[in-house]
């Protein structure tokens, strides 16, 4: 079992953080613990992350130290959660104006651009957690060959629907925002729409497959 440490975060939250590596098995246990904590009294919000979970308390001045002790014990008792996942295909236009950093990724990886597209779209990714923006999926499963450092200077505005690579992860920007990931493509799907009954398209545990579109593919 991975070792974990708990600590205070600001004035109202406690964090449980796991030692590396990041694995799907650990994420499934984090999902289960999130589910368990969400139904407990005294907790305002539970925020799962990658190899960590943050718990916002209603009465931190009285409950913080007790929460740290309990969180550590509950982690040791937690089991994996196998959610009712969906398989969702994401159409993507790669390269060109839709993916201005495709050439950067290809050069860094020592590959042709079309090989980057082929490899990136050949994987069933798993949504490990949502964060950064409403509906932003952090996807596990990026091939090591495609891992590329983030941009040295982030863009001030990344279009909604941009598909990017940041280090060893890939993801999709749901909204226009500044961002530093390498942009390799774009999808017309809306990952976050507050007018829908379910505003967020993806959920932890879903599997995602990118499907290249003819326009812009190298």
N, C-alpha and C. Protein backbone atom coordinates (compact mmCIF):
# COMPACT_ATOMS: atom_id res chain seq x y z
N UNK A 1 0.84 -1.20 0.00
CA UNK A 1 0.00 0.00 0.00
C UNK A 1 0.87 1.25 0.00
N UNK A 2 0.50 2.24 -0.83
CA UNK A 2 1.26 3.47 -0.86
C UNK A 2 1.14 4.22 0.46
N UNK A 3 2.25 4.79 0.88
CA UNK A 3 2.23 5.59 2.09
C UNK A 3 1.50 6.89 1.83
N UNK A 4 0.84 7.40 2.86
CA UNK A 4 0.07 8.64 2.74
C UNK A 4 0.39 9.54 3.92
N UNK A 5 0.32 10.83 3.69
CA UNK A 5 0.47 11.80 4.78
C UNK A 5 -0.71 12.75 4.75
N UNK A 6 -1.11 13.22 5.92
CA UNK A 6 -2.22 14.16 6.04
C UNK A 6 -1.71 15.46 6.65
N UNK A 7 -2.25 16.56 6.18
CA UNK A 7 -1.80 17.85 6.70
C UNK A 7 -2.90 18.89 6.51
N UNK A 8 -2.78 19.99 7.25
CA UNK A 8 -3.72 21.10 7.14
C UNK A 8 -3.46 21.89 5.86
N UNK A 9 -4.52 22.38 5.26
CA UNK A 9 -4.42 23.25 4.09
C UNK A 9 -5.21 24.51 4.39
N UNK A 10 -4.51 25.61 4.58
CA UNK A 10 -5.17 26.86 4.92
C UNK A 10 -5.85 26.75 6.28
N UNK A 11 -6.99 27.39 6.41
CA UNK A 11 -7.70 27.46 7.69
C UNK A 11 -8.90 26.53 7.76
N UNK A 12 -9.26 25.88 6.63
CA UNK A 12 -10.52 25.14 6.65
C UNK A 12 -10.47 23.75 6.02
N UNK A 13 -9.30 23.28 5.63
CA UNK A 13 -9.24 22.01 4.91
C UNK A 13 -8.08 21.15 5.38
N UNK A 14 -8.25 19.85 5.16
CA UNK A 14 -7.15 18.90 5.38
C UNK A 14 -6.95 18.13 4.09
N UNK A 15 -5.71 17.68 3.89
CA UNK A 15 -5.34 16.98 2.66
C UNK A 15 -4.71 15.64 3.00
N UNK A 16 -5.09 14.62 2.24
CA UNK A 16 -4.39 13.34 2.27
C UNK A 16 -3.65 13.21 0.96
N UNK A 17 -2.34 13.04 1.04
CA UNK A 17 -1.50 13.00 -0.16
C UNK A 17 -0.69 11.71 -0.19
N UNK A 18 -0.74 11.01 -1.32
CA UNK A 18 -0.03 9.75 -1.48
C UNK A 18 1.36 9.96 -2.06
N UNK A 19 2.26 9.07 -1.71
CA UNK A 19 3.57 9.07 -2.34
C UNK A 19 3.44 8.56 -3.77
N UNK A 20 4.35 8.98 -4.68
CA UNK A 20 4.34 8.41 -6.03
C UNK A 20 4.55 6.91 -5.95
N UNK A 21 4.16 6.18 -7.02
CA UNK A 21 3.69 6.69 -8.30
C UNK A 21 2.19 6.92 -8.30
N UNK A 22 1.72 7.56 -9.38
CA UNK A 22 0.29 7.73 -9.61
C UNK A 22 -0.19 6.50 -10.37
N UNK A 23 -1.19 5.83 -9.83
CA UNK A 23 -1.70 4.62 -10.49
C UNK A 23 -3.22 4.66 -10.53
N UNK A 24 -3.79 3.93 -11.47
CA UNK A 24 -5.24 3.85 -11.56
C UNK A 24 -5.82 3.16 -10.33
N UNK A 25 -5.11 2.18 -9.79
CA UNK A 25 -5.58 1.49 -8.59
C UNK A 25 -5.73 2.46 -7.42
N UNK A 26 -4.77 3.36 -7.26
CA UNK A 26 -4.85 4.36 -6.19
C UNK A 26 -6.00 5.33 -6.43
N UNK A 27 -6.18 5.72 -7.70
CA UNK A 27 -7.27 6.63 -8.01
C UNK A 27 -8.62 6.01 -7.69
N UNK A 28 -8.76 4.71 -7.93
CA UNK A 28 -10.03 4.05 -7.62
C UNK A 28 -10.30 4.06 -6.12
N UNK A 29 -9.25 3.93 -5.32
CA UNK A 29 -9.43 4.00 -3.87
C UNK A 29 -9.77 5.43 -3.44
N UNK A 30 -9.20 6.42 -4.13
CA UNK A 30 -9.54 7.81 -3.85
C UNK A 30 -11.00 8.07 -4.19
N UNK A 31 -11.48 7.51 -5.31
CA UNK A 31 -12.90 7.67 -5.66
C UNK A 31 -13.79 7.09 -4.57
N UNK A 32 -13.43 5.92 -4.06
CA UNK A 32 -14.23 5.29 -3.00
C UNK A 32 -14.23 6.14 -1.74
N UNK A 33 -13.07 6.64 -1.34
CA UNK A 33 -12.98 7.46 -0.14
C UNK A 33 -13.77 8.76 -0.33
N UNK A 34 -13.73 9.33 -1.52
CA UNK A 34 -14.51 10.53 -1.81
C UNK A 34 -15.99 10.25 -1.62
N UNK A 35 -16.44 9.13 -2.12
CA UNK A 35 -17.84 8.74 -1.98
C UNK A 35 -18.22 8.60 -0.51
N UNK A 36 -17.36 7.99 0.26
CA UNK A 36 -17.64 7.77 1.69
C UNK A 36 -17.70 9.09 2.45
N UNK A 37 -16.74 9.98 2.18
CA UNK A 37 -16.67 11.23 2.91
C UNK A 37 -17.80 12.19 2.56
N UNK A 38 -18.30 12.11 1.33
CA UNK A 38 -19.32 13.04 0.87
C UNK A 38 -20.61 12.94 1.67
N UNK A 39 -20.85 11.81 2.30
CA UNK A 39 -22.09 11.60 3.06
C UNK A 39 -21.93 11.88 4.55
N UNK A 40 -20.78 12.35 4.97
CA UNK A 40 -20.52 12.53 6.40
C UNK A 40 -20.84 13.94 6.86
N UNK A 41 -21.28 14.04 8.13
CA UNK A 41 -21.56 15.33 8.73
C UNK A 41 -20.27 16.10 8.99
N UNK A 42 -20.37 17.40 8.96
CA UNK A 42 -19.23 18.25 9.28
C UNK A 42 -18.31 18.52 8.10
N UNK A 43 -18.66 17.99 6.92
CA UNK A 43 -17.80 18.17 5.75
C UNK A 43 -18.54 19.03 4.73
N UNK A 44 -17.91 20.12 4.30
CA UNK A 44 -18.52 21.02 3.34
C UNK A 44 -18.30 20.56 1.91
N UNK A 45 -17.13 20.00 1.62
CA UNK A 45 -16.81 19.60 0.24
C UNK A 45 -15.66 18.60 0.27
N UNK A 46 -15.69 17.66 -0.67
CA UNK A 46 -14.61 16.70 -0.84
C UNK A 46 -14.11 16.83 -2.28
N UNK A 47 -12.81 17.05 -2.44
CA UNK A 47 -12.24 17.32 -3.76
C UNK A 47 -11.17 16.28 -4.08
N UNK A 48 -11.50 15.30 -4.92
CA UNK A 48 -10.46 14.31 -5.30
C UNK A 48 -9.50 14.91 -6.31
N UNK A 49 -8.23 14.56 -6.16
CA UNK A 49 -7.21 14.99 -7.11
C UNK A 49 -6.39 13.82 -7.57
N UNK A 50 -5.24 14.08 -8.14
CA UNK A 50 -4.36 13.02 -8.57
C UNK A 50 -3.41 12.66 -7.44
N UNK A 51 -3.61 11.47 -6.86
CA UNK A 51 -2.84 11.01 -5.71
C UNK A 51 -3.12 11.83 -4.45
N UNK A 52 -4.25 12.51 -4.40
CA UNK A 52 -4.58 13.27 -3.19
C UNK A 52 -6.08 13.48 -3.10
N UNK A 53 -6.52 13.86 -1.92
CA UNK A 53 -7.92 14.20 -1.69
C UNK A 53 -7.95 15.33 -0.66
N UNK A 54 -8.74 16.36 -0.93
CA UNK A 54 -8.86 17.51 -0.05
C UNK A 54 -10.26 17.53 0.56
N UNK A 55 -10.32 17.72 1.87
CA UNK A 55 -11.59 17.73 2.58
C UNK A 55 -11.77 19.10 3.23
N UNK A 56 -12.81 19.80 2.83
CA UNK A 56 -13.12 21.11 3.39
C UNK A 56 -14.11 20.91 4.55
N UNK A 57 -13.76 21.43 5.72
CA UNK A 57 -14.52 21.20 6.94
C UNK A 57 -15.45 22.37 7.27
N UNK A 58 -16.60 22.05 7.88
CA UNK A 58 -17.53 23.09 8.30
C UNK A 58 -17.07 23.77 9.58
N UNK A 59 -16.42 23.01 10.48
CA UNK A 59 -15.93 23.56 11.74
C UNK A 59 -14.46 23.20 11.91
N UNK A 60 -13.59 23.78 11.09
CA UNK A 60 -12.17 23.39 11.12
C UNK A 60 -11.48 23.68 12.45
N UNK A 61 -11.94 24.73 13.14
CA UNK A 61 -11.28 25.07 14.40
C UNK A 61 -11.47 23.99 15.46
N UNK A 62 -12.53 23.20 15.33
CA UNK A 62 -12.80 22.13 16.29
C UNK A 62 -12.51 20.73 15.76
N UNK A 63 -12.50 20.56 14.44
CA UNK A 63 -12.48 19.23 13.85
C UNK A 63 -11.21 18.89 13.06
N UNK A 64 -10.31 19.84 12.86
CA UNK A 64 -9.19 19.62 11.95
C UNK A 64 -8.29 18.46 12.39
N UNK A 65 -7.85 18.49 13.63
CA UNK A 65 -6.92 17.45 14.10
C UNK A 65 -7.59 16.08 14.10
N UNK A 66 -8.85 16.03 14.49
CA UNK A 66 -9.59 14.77 14.46
C UNK A 66 -9.75 14.29 13.03
N UNK A 67 -9.98 15.22 12.08
CA UNK A 67 -10.16 14.85 10.67
C UNK A 67 -8.88 14.26 10.10
N UNK A 68 -7.73 14.80 10.48
CA UNK A 68 -6.45 14.26 10.00
C UNK A 68 -6.28 12.81 10.45
N UNK A 69 -6.57 12.56 11.72
CA UNK A 69 -6.43 11.19 12.25
C UNK A 69 -7.41 10.24 11.56
N UNK A 70 -8.65 10.67 11.41
CA UNK A 70 -9.66 9.82 10.79
C UNK A 70 -9.38 9.58 9.31
N UNK A 71 -8.93 10.61 8.61
CA UNK A 71 -8.65 10.50 7.18
C UNK A 71 -7.57 9.48 6.92
N UNK A 72 -6.54 9.48 7.74
CA UNK A 72 -5.46 8.51 7.60
C UNK A 72 -6.01 7.09 7.79
N UNK A 73 -6.83 6.91 8.79
CA UNK A 73 -7.37 5.57 9.06
C UNK A 73 -8.33 5.13 7.96
N UNK A 74 -9.18 6.05 7.50
CA UNK A 74 -10.13 5.70 6.45
C UNK A 74 -9.42 5.34 5.15
N UNK A 75 -8.31 6.00 4.88
CA UNK A 75 -7.54 5.64 3.67
C UNK A 75 -7.04 4.21 3.77
N UNK A 76 -6.53 3.85 4.92
CA UNK A 76 -6.00 2.49 5.11
C UNK A 76 -7.10 1.45 4.98
N UNK A 77 -8.35 1.83 5.27
CA UNK A 77 -9.47 0.91 5.18
C UNK A 77 -10.16 0.93 3.81
N UNK A 78 -9.82 1.91 2.99
CA UNK A 78 -10.57 2.11 1.75
C UNK A 78 -10.31 1.00 0.74
N UNK A 79 -11.30 0.77 -0.09
CA UNK A 79 -11.20 -0.20 -1.17
C UNK A 79 -11.40 0.52 -2.50
N UNK A 80 -11.17 -0.19 -3.59
CA UNK A 80 -11.32 0.41 -4.91
C UNK A 80 -12.80 0.58 -5.25
N UNK A 81 -13.11 1.66 -5.95
CA UNK A 81 -14.45 1.88 -6.48
C UNK A 81 -14.42 1.63 -7.98
N UNK A 82 -15.27 0.73 -8.42
CA UNK A 82 -15.41 0.46 -9.85
C UNK A 82 -16.68 1.16 -10.32
N UNK A 83 -16.57 2.40 -10.81
CA UNK A 83 -17.77 3.15 -11.18
C UNK A 83 -18.42 2.59 -12.44
N UNK A 84 -19.67 2.97 -12.63
CA UNK A 84 -20.36 2.61 -13.86
C UNK A 84 -19.88 3.55 -14.97
N UNK A 85 -18.75 3.19 -15.53
CA UNK A 85 -18.11 4.08 -16.49
C UNK A 85 -18.75 3.98 -17.86
N UNK A 86 -18.58 5.03 -18.63
CA UNK A 86 -19.04 5.09 -20.01
C UNK A 86 -17.84 5.18 -20.93
N UNK A 87 -18.01 4.74 -22.16
CA UNK A 87 -16.97 4.90 -23.17
C UNK A 87 -17.42 6.00 -24.12
N UNK A 88 -16.63 7.06 -24.20
CA UNK A 88 -17.02 8.25 -24.96
C UNK A 88 -15.95 8.53 -26.01
N UNK A 89 -16.39 8.70 -27.25
CA UNK A 89 -15.46 9.06 -28.32
C UNK A 89 -15.45 10.58 -28.50
N UNK A 90 -14.27 11.12 -28.68
CA UNK A 90 -14.07 12.55 -28.81
C UNK A 90 -13.50 12.84 -30.20
N UNK A 91 -14.28 13.44 -31.11
CA UNK A 91 -13.74 13.79 -32.42
C UNK A 91 -12.73 14.92 -32.28
N UNK A 92 -11.59 14.79 -32.95
CA UNK A 92 -10.53 15.78 -32.82
C UNK A 92 -9.94 16.11 -34.19
N UNK A 93 -9.82 17.39 -34.48
CA UNK A 93 -9.03 17.86 -35.61
C UNK A 93 -7.63 18.12 -35.08
N UNK A 94 -6.67 17.39 -35.59
CA UNK A 94 -5.29 17.53 -35.14
C UNK A 94 -4.51 18.47 -36.06
N UNK A 95 -3.55 19.18 -35.47
CA UNK A 95 -2.61 19.99 -36.24
C UNK A 95 -3.21 21.26 -36.79
N UNK A 96 -2.40 21.99 -37.56
CA UNK A 96 -2.84 23.25 -38.13
C UNK A 96 -3.21 24.26 -37.06
N UNK A 97 -4.18 25.12 -37.36
CA UNK A 97 -4.61 26.10 -36.37
C UNK A 97 -5.32 25.46 -35.20
N UNK A 98 -5.84 24.23 -35.40
CA UNK A 98 -6.52 23.52 -34.32
C UNK A 98 -5.54 22.96 -33.30
N UNK A 99 -4.34 22.64 -33.74
CA UNK A 99 -3.31 22.07 -32.86
C UNK A 99 -1.95 22.67 -33.16
N UNK A 100 -1.74 23.93 -32.78
CA UNK A 100 -0.53 24.65 -33.18
C UNK A 100 0.77 24.10 -32.61
N UNK A 101 0.68 23.24 -31.58
CA UNK A 101 1.90 22.70 -30.98
C UNK A 101 2.18 21.27 -31.40
N UNK A 102 1.45 20.76 -32.36
CA UNK A 102 1.67 19.38 -32.79
C UNK A 102 3.11 19.18 -33.27
N UNK A 103 3.63 20.15 -33.98
CA UNK A 103 5.01 20.04 -34.47
C UNK A 103 6.01 20.06 -33.33
N UNK A 104 5.70 20.81 -32.28
CA UNK A 104 6.59 20.88 -31.11
C UNK A 104 6.65 19.51 -30.43
N UNK A 105 5.48 18.89 -30.25
CA UNK A 105 5.44 17.57 -29.64
C UNK A 105 6.17 16.55 -30.51
N UNK A 106 5.93 16.61 -31.81
CA UNK A 106 6.59 15.67 -32.71
C UNK A 106 8.10 15.81 -32.65
N UNK A 107 8.59 17.03 -32.65
CA UNK A 107 10.03 17.26 -32.60
C UNK A 107 10.61 16.79 -31.28
N UNK A 108 9.92 17.09 -30.18
CA UNK A 108 10.41 16.67 -28.87
C UNK A 108 10.48 15.14 -28.77
N UNK A 109 9.49 14.47 -29.35
CA UNK A 109 9.40 13.01 -29.24
C UNK A 109 10.18 12.29 -30.34
N UNK A 110 10.75 13.04 -31.27
CA UNK A 110 11.48 12.41 -32.36
C UNK A 110 10.59 11.60 -33.27
N UNK A 111 9.39 12.12 -33.54
CA UNK A 111 8.40 11.42 -34.34
C UNK A 111 7.88 12.33 -35.44
N UNK A 112 7.24 11.74 -36.45
CA UNK A 112 6.52 12.53 -37.43
C UNK A 112 5.19 12.96 -36.82
N UNK A 113 4.65 14.05 -37.30
CA UNK A 113 3.39 14.56 -36.76
C UNK A 113 2.27 13.53 -36.92
N UNK A 114 2.22 12.89 -38.06
CA UNK A 114 1.16 11.91 -38.27
C UNK A 114 1.29 10.73 -37.32
N UNK A 115 2.54 10.41 -36.91
CA UNK A 115 2.73 9.31 -35.96
C UNK A 115 2.27 9.72 -34.56
N UNK A 116 2.46 11.01 -34.21
CA UNK A 116 1.95 11.51 -32.94
C UNK A 116 0.43 11.38 -32.90
N UNK A 117 -0.22 11.77 -33.99
CA UNK A 117 -1.68 11.68 -34.08
C UNK A 117 -2.13 10.24 -33.95
N UNK A 118 -1.46 9.36 -34.68
CA UNK A 118 -1.86 7.95 -34.67
C UNK A 118 -1.71 7.34 -33.28
N UNK A 119 -0.60 7.65 -32.60
CA UNK A 119 -0.38 7.08 -31.27
C UNK A 119 -1.33 7.69 -30.25
N UNK A 120 -1.51 9.00 -30.30
CA UNK A 120 -2.38 9.68 -29.34
C UNK A 120 -3.82 9.18 -29.44
N UNK A 121 -4.26 8.83 -30.64
CA UNK A 121 -5.64 8.42 -30.86
C UNK A 121 -5.82 6.90 -30.81
N UNK A 122 -4.77 6.18 -30.43
CA UNK A 122 -4.86 4.72 -30.40
C UNK A 122 -5.12 4.17 -29.00
N UNK A 123 -5.28 5.05 -28.02
CA UNK A 123 -5.36 4.66 -26.61
C UNK A 123 -6.76 4.90 -26.06
N UNK A 124 -7.22 3.99 -25.21
CA UNK A 124 -8.40 4.24 -24.39
C UNK A 124 -7.92 4.87 -23.08
N UNK A 125 -8.17 6.17 -22.93
CA UNK A 125 -7.75 6.88 -21.73
C UNK A 125 -8.82 6.76 -20.64
N UNK A 126 -8.40 6.93 -19.39
CA UNK A 126 -9.32 6.90 -18.26
C UNK A 126 -9.34 8.28 -17.60
N UNK A 127 -10.52 8.79 -17.34
CA UNK A 127 -10.65 10.06 -16.61
C UNK A 127 -10.29 9.80 -15.15
N UNK A 128 -9.15 10.33 -14.72
CA UNK A 128 -8.71 10.10 -13.35
C UNK A 128 -9.37 11.07 -12.39
N UNK A 129 -9.50 12.32 -12.80
CA UNK A 129 -10.25 13.28 -11.98
C UNK A 129 -10.51 14.52 -12.82
N UNK A 130 -11.41 15.38 -12.32
CA UNK A 130 -11.73 16.64 -12.96
C UNK A 130 -11.19 17.77 -12.10
N UNK A 131 -10.62 18.78 -12.75
CA UNK A 131 -10.07 19.88 -11.98
C UNK A 131 -9.66 21.03 -12.87
N UNK A 132 -9.09 22.06 -12.27
CA UNK A 132 -8.59 23.25 -12.95
C UNK A 132 -9.73 24.12 -13.46
N UNK A 133 -10.64 23.54 -14.23
CA UNK A 133 -11.85 24.20 -14.71
C UNK A 133 -13.02 23.24 -14.53
N UNK A 134 -14.26 23.73 -14.56
CA UNK A 134 -15.39 22.81 -14.53
C UNK A 134 -15.34 21.87 -15.74
N UNK A 135 -15.24 20.58 -15.46
CA UNK A 135 -15.26 19.60 -16.53
C UNK A 135 -13.93 19.31 -17.19
N UNK A 136 -12.81 19.90 -16.70
CA UNK A 136 -11.51 19.62 -17.30
C UNK A 136 -11.05 18.22 -16.89
N UNK A 137 -10.92 17.28 -17.86
CA UNK A 137 -10.55 15.92 -17.51
C UNK A 137 -9.04 15.70 -17.55
N UNK A 138 -8.51 15.20 -16.47
CA UNK A 138 -7.11 14.74 -16.46
C UNK A 138 -7.15 13.25 -16.83
N UNK A 139 -6.56 12.92 -17.97
CA UNK A 139 -6.69 11.59 -18.52
C UNK A 139 -5.42 10.77 -18.28
N UNK A 140 -5.60 9.60 -17.72
CA UNK A 140 -4.48 8.69 -17.50
C UNK A 140 -4.32 7.76 -18.67
N UNK A 141 -3.07 7.42 -18.99
CA UNK A 141 -2.81 6.45 -20.05
C UNK A 141 -2.00 6.98 -21.21
N UNK A 142 -1.56 8.25 -21.14
CA UNK A 142 -0.76 8.80 -22.24
C UNK A 142 0.50 7.96 -22.42
N UNK A 143 0.78 7.49 -23.65
CA UNK A 143 2.03 6.73 -23.88
C UNK A 143 3.25 7.56 -23.48
N UNK A 144 4.22 6.91 -22.86
CA UNK A 144 5.42 7.61 -22.41
C UNK A 144 6.12 8.32 -23.56
N UNK A 145 6.03 7.76 -24.75
CA UNK A 145 6.71 8.36 -25.91
C UNK A 145 6.17 9.74 -26.24
N UNK A 146 4.94 10.05 -25.79
CA UNK A 146 4.33 11.34 -26.12
C UNK A 146 4.47 12.37 -25.00
N UNK A 147 5.04 12.00 -23.88
CA UNK A 147 5.20 12.95 -22.78
C UNK A 147 6.06 14.13 -23.24
N UNK A 148 5.53 15.33 -23.05
CA UNK A 148 6.19 16.55 -23.52
C UNK A 148 6.02 17.64 -22.46
N UNK A 149 7.10 18.34 -22.11
CA UNK A 149 6.97 19.40 -21.09
C UNK A 149 5.99 20.48 -21.51
N UNK A 150 5.39 21.12 -20.53
CA UNK A 150 4.52 22.26 -20.80
C UNK A 150 5.32 23.39 -21.45
N UNK A 151 4.62 24.32 -22.05
CA UNK A 151 5.26 25.48 -22.66
C UNK A 151 5.99 26.31 -21.62
N UNK A 152 7.11 26.88 -22.02
CA UNK A 152 7.85 27.74 -21.11
C UNK A 152 7.08 28.99 -20.75
N UNK A 153 6.28 29.48 -21.70
CA UNK A 153 5.45 30.66 -21.48
C UNK A 153 4.01 30.31 -21.82
N UNK A 154 3.14 30.23 -20.82
CA UNK A 154 1.74 29.86 -21.10
C UNK A 154 1.05 30.86 -22.02
N UNK A 155 0.09 30.36 -22.77
CA UNK A 155 -0.75 31.25 -23.59
C UNK A 155 -1.71 32.01 -22.68
N UNK A 156 -2.03 33.23 -23.09
CA UNK A 156 -3.00 34.01 -22.33
C UNK A 156 -4.42 33.53 -22.58
N UNK A 157 -4.65 32.89 -23.74
CA UNK A 157 -6.00 32.43 -24.06
C UNK A 157 -5.92 31.14 -24.87
N UNK A 158 -6.44 30.06 -24.30
CA UNK A 158 -6.53 28.77 -24.98
C UNK A 158 -8.00 28.56 -25.35
N UNK A 159 -8.30 28.24 -26.61
CA UNK A 159 -9.71 28.07 -27.01
C UNK A 159 -10.36 26.88 -26.30
N UNK A 160 -11.64 27.01 -26.01
CA UNK A 160 -12.40 25.89 -25.47
C UNK A 160 -12.39 24.75 -26.48
N UNK A 161 -12.23 23.52 -25.98
CA UNK A 161 -12.17 22.36 -26.84
C UNK A 161 -10.77 21.96 -27.25
N UNK A 162 -9.77 22.72 -26.82
CA UNK A 162 -8.39 22.39 -27.18
C UNK A 162 -7.95 21.12 -26.48
N UNK A 163 -7.29 20.24 -27.24
CA UNK A 163 -6.73 19.01 -26.70
C UNK A 163 -5.23 19.22 -26.53
N UNK A 164 -4.73 18.95 -25.34
CA UNK A 164 -3.33 19.25 -25.09
C UNK A 164 -2.60 18.15 -24.36
N UNK A 165 -1.27 18.30 -24.36
CA UNK A 165 -0.39 17.42 -23.60
C UNK A 165 0.40 18.29 -22.64
N UNK A 166 0.42 17.90 -21.36
CA UNK A 166 1.19 18.60 -20.36
C UNK A 166 1.98 17.61 -19.54
N UNK A 167 3.26 17.47 -19.83
CA UNK A 167 4.06 16.46 -19.14
C UNK A 167 3.62 15.06 -19.56
N UNK A 168 3.23 14.26 -18.57
CA UNK A 168 2.84 12.87 -18.85
C UNK A 168 1.33 12.71 -18.94
N UNK A 169 0.61 13.82 -19.10
CA UNK A 169 -0.85 13.76 -19.15
C UNK A 169 -1.39 14.40 -20.42
N UNK A 170 -2.61 14.02 -20.75
CA UNK A 170 -3.34 14.68 -21.82
C UNK A 170 -4.70 15.07 -21.28
N UNK A 171 -5.29 16.10 -21.86
CA UNK A 171 -6.58 16.58 -21.38
C UNK A 171 -7.22 17.51 -22.39
N UNK A 172 -8.39 18.03 -22.03
CA UNK A 172 -9.19 18.88 -22.91
C UNK A 172 -9.64 20.11 -22.13
N UNK A 173 -9.42 21.29 -22.71
CA UNK A 173 -9.87 22.53 -22.07
C UNK A 173 -11.36 22.73 -22.34
N UNK A 174 -12.20 22.76 -21.30
CA UNK A 174 -13.63 22.96 -21.52
C UNK A 174 -14.01 24.41 -21.83
N UNK A 175 -13.22 25.37 -21.31
CA UNK A 175 -13.54 26.79 -21.43
C UNK A 175 -12.31 27.56 -21.89
N UNK A 176 -12.55 28.75 -22.41
CA UNK A 176 -11.43 29.63 -22.77
C UNK A 176 -10.70 30.04 -21.50
N UNK A 177 -9.39 29.89 -21.52
CA UNK A 177 -8.60 30.16 -20.31
C UNK A 177 -7.13 30.29 -20.67
N UNK A 178 -6.33 30.96 -19.84
CA UNK A 178 -4.89 30.84 -20.01
C UNK A 178 -4.45 29.39 -19.78
N UNK A 179 -3.37 28.97 -20.41
CA UNK A 179 -2.92 27.60 -20.22
C UNK A 179 -1.57 27.35 -20.83
N UNK A 180 -0.86 26.38 -20.28
CA UNK A 180 0.51 26.11 -20.73
C UNK A 180 0.73 24.76 -21.36
N UNK A 181 -0.35 23.99 -21.59
CA UNK A 181 -0.16 22.69 -22.21
C UNK A 181 0.12 22.84 -23.70
N UNK A 182 0.77 21.84 -24.28
CA UNK A 182 1.04 21.83 -25.72
C UNK A 182 -0.24 21.43 -26.46
N UNK A 183 -0.73 22.31 -27.30
CA UNK A 183 -2.02 22.09 -27.98
C UNK A 183 -1.79 21.32 -29.27
N UNK A 184 -2.40 20.12 -29.36
CA UNK A 184 -2.20 19.29 -30.53
C UNK A 184 -3.46 19.11 -31.37
N UNK A 185 -4.61 19.56 -30.86
CA UNK A 185 -5.84 19.39 -31.60
C UNK A 185 -6.99 20.13 -30.97
N UNK A 186 -8.17 19.95 -31.56
CA UNK A 186 -9.37 20.64 -31.06
C UNK A 186 -10.59 19.77 -31.32
N UNK A 187 -11.52 19.76 -30.36
CA UNK A 187 -12.78 19.04 -30.51
C UNK A 187 -13.94 20.02 -30.46
N UNK A 188 -14.99 19.79 -31.26
CA UNK A 188 -16.17 20.65 -31.20
C UNK A 188 -17.09 20.31 -30.03
N UNK A 189 -16.84 19.19 -29.35
CA UNK A 189 -17.71 18.81 -28.23
C UNK A 189 -17.59 19.81 -27.09
N UNK A 190 -18.70 20.08 -26.43
CA UNK A 190 -18.69 20.97 -25.27
C UNK A 190 -18.58 20.12 -24.02
N UNK A 191 -17.46 20.22 -23.32
CA UNK A 191 -17.25 19.43 -22.12
C UNK A 191 -17.97 20.02 -20.91
N UNK A 192 -18.29 21.30 -20.98
CA UNK A 192 -19.03 21.93 -19.88
C UNK A 192 -20.08 22.86 -20.47
N UNK A 193 -21.33 22.62 -20.10
CA UNK A 193 -22.45 23.45 -20.57
C UNK A 193 -23.44 23.59 -19.43
N UNK A 194 -23.47 24.75 -18.77
CA UNK A 194 -24.34 24.92 -17.59
C UNK A 194 -25.82 24.83 -17.90
N UNK A 195 -26.21 24.86 -19.18
CA UNK A 195 -27.63 24.78 -19.53
C UNK A 195 -28.12 23.33 -19.63
N UNK A 196 -27.20 22.36 -19.64
CA UNK A 196 -27.61 20.96 -19.71
C UNK A 196 -28.00 20.45 -18.33
N UNK A 197 -28.81 19.40 -18.31
CA UNK A 197 -29.17 18.78 -17.04
C UNK A 197 -27.93 18.26 -16.32
N UNK A 198 -27.01 17.68 -17.09
CA UNK A 198 -25.71 17.27 -16.56
C UNK A 198 -24.65 18.17 -17.22
N UNK A 199 -24.27 19.27 -16.57
CA UNK A 199 -23.40 20.26 -17.21
C UNK A 199 -22.04 19.71 -17.65
N UNK A 200 -21.52 18.72 -16.92
CA UNK A 200 -20.18 18.19 -17.20
C UNK A 200 -20.31 16.92 -18.03
N UNK A 201 -19.59 16.86 -19.14
CA UNK A 201 -19.71 15.72 -20.05
C UNK A 201 -19.08 14.46 -19.49
N UNK A 202 -17.90 14.58 -18.89
CA UNK A 202 -17.14 13.41 -18.45
C UNK A 202 -17.15 13.30 -16.93
N UNK A 203 -16.91 12.08 -16.45
CA UNK A 203 -16.85 11.81 -15.01
C UNK A 203 -15.67 10.88 -14.72
N UNK A 204 -15.12 10.93 -13.50
CA UNK A 204 -14.04 10.00 -13.16
C UNK A 204 -14.45 8.56 -13.41
N UNK A 205 -13.55 7.83 -14.04
CA UNK A 205 -13.81 6.43 -14.38
C UNK A 205 -14.25 6.22 -15.81
N UNK A 206 -14.73 7.28 -16.48
CA UNK A 206 -15.09 7.14 -17.89
C UNK A 206 -13.85 6.84 -18.72
N UNK A 207 -14.03 6.13 -19.81
CA UNK A 207 -12.94 5.93 -20.77
C UNK A 207 -13.20 6.81 -21.99
N UNK A 208 -12.11 7.30 -22.56
CA UNK A 208 -12.18 8.25 -23.66
C UNK A 208 -11.27 7.77 -24.79
N UNK A 209 -11.77 7.85 -26.00
CA UNK A 209 -10.96 7.56 -27.20
C UNK A 209 -11.08 8.76 -28.15
N UNK A 210 -9.93 9.30 -28.54
CA UNK A 210 -9.91 10.39 -29.50
C UNK A 210 -10.00 9.83 -30.91
N UNK A 211 -10.85 10.44 -31.73
CA UNK A 211 -11.05 9.99 -33.11
C UNK A 211 -10.62 11.11 -34.06
N UNK A 212 -9.53 10.93 -34.79
CA UNK A 212 -9.07 11.98 -35.70
C UNK A 212 -10.09 12.28 -36.80
N UNK A 213 -10.24 13.56 -37.08
CA UNK A 213 -11.05 14.01 -38.20
C UNK A 213 -10.13 14.34 -39.38
N UNK A 214 -10.64 14.28 -40.58
CA UNK A 214 -9.79 14.43 -41.75
C UNK A 214 -9.15 15.80 -41.83
N UNK A 215 -9.89 16.83 -41.49
CA UNK A 215 -9.34 18.19 -41.60
C UNK A 215 -8.21 18.37 -40.60
N UNK A 216 -7.07 18.84 -41.06
CA UNK A 216 -5.97 19.18 -40.19
C UNK A 216 -5.07 18.04 -39.82
N UNK A 217 -5.42 16.80 -40.18
CA UNK A 217 -4.54 15.67 -39.84
C UNK A 217 -3.36 15.67 -40.79
N UNK A 218 -2.17 15.54 -40.21
CA UNK A 218 -0.97 15.59 -41.03
C UNK A 218 -0.72 14.26 -41.74
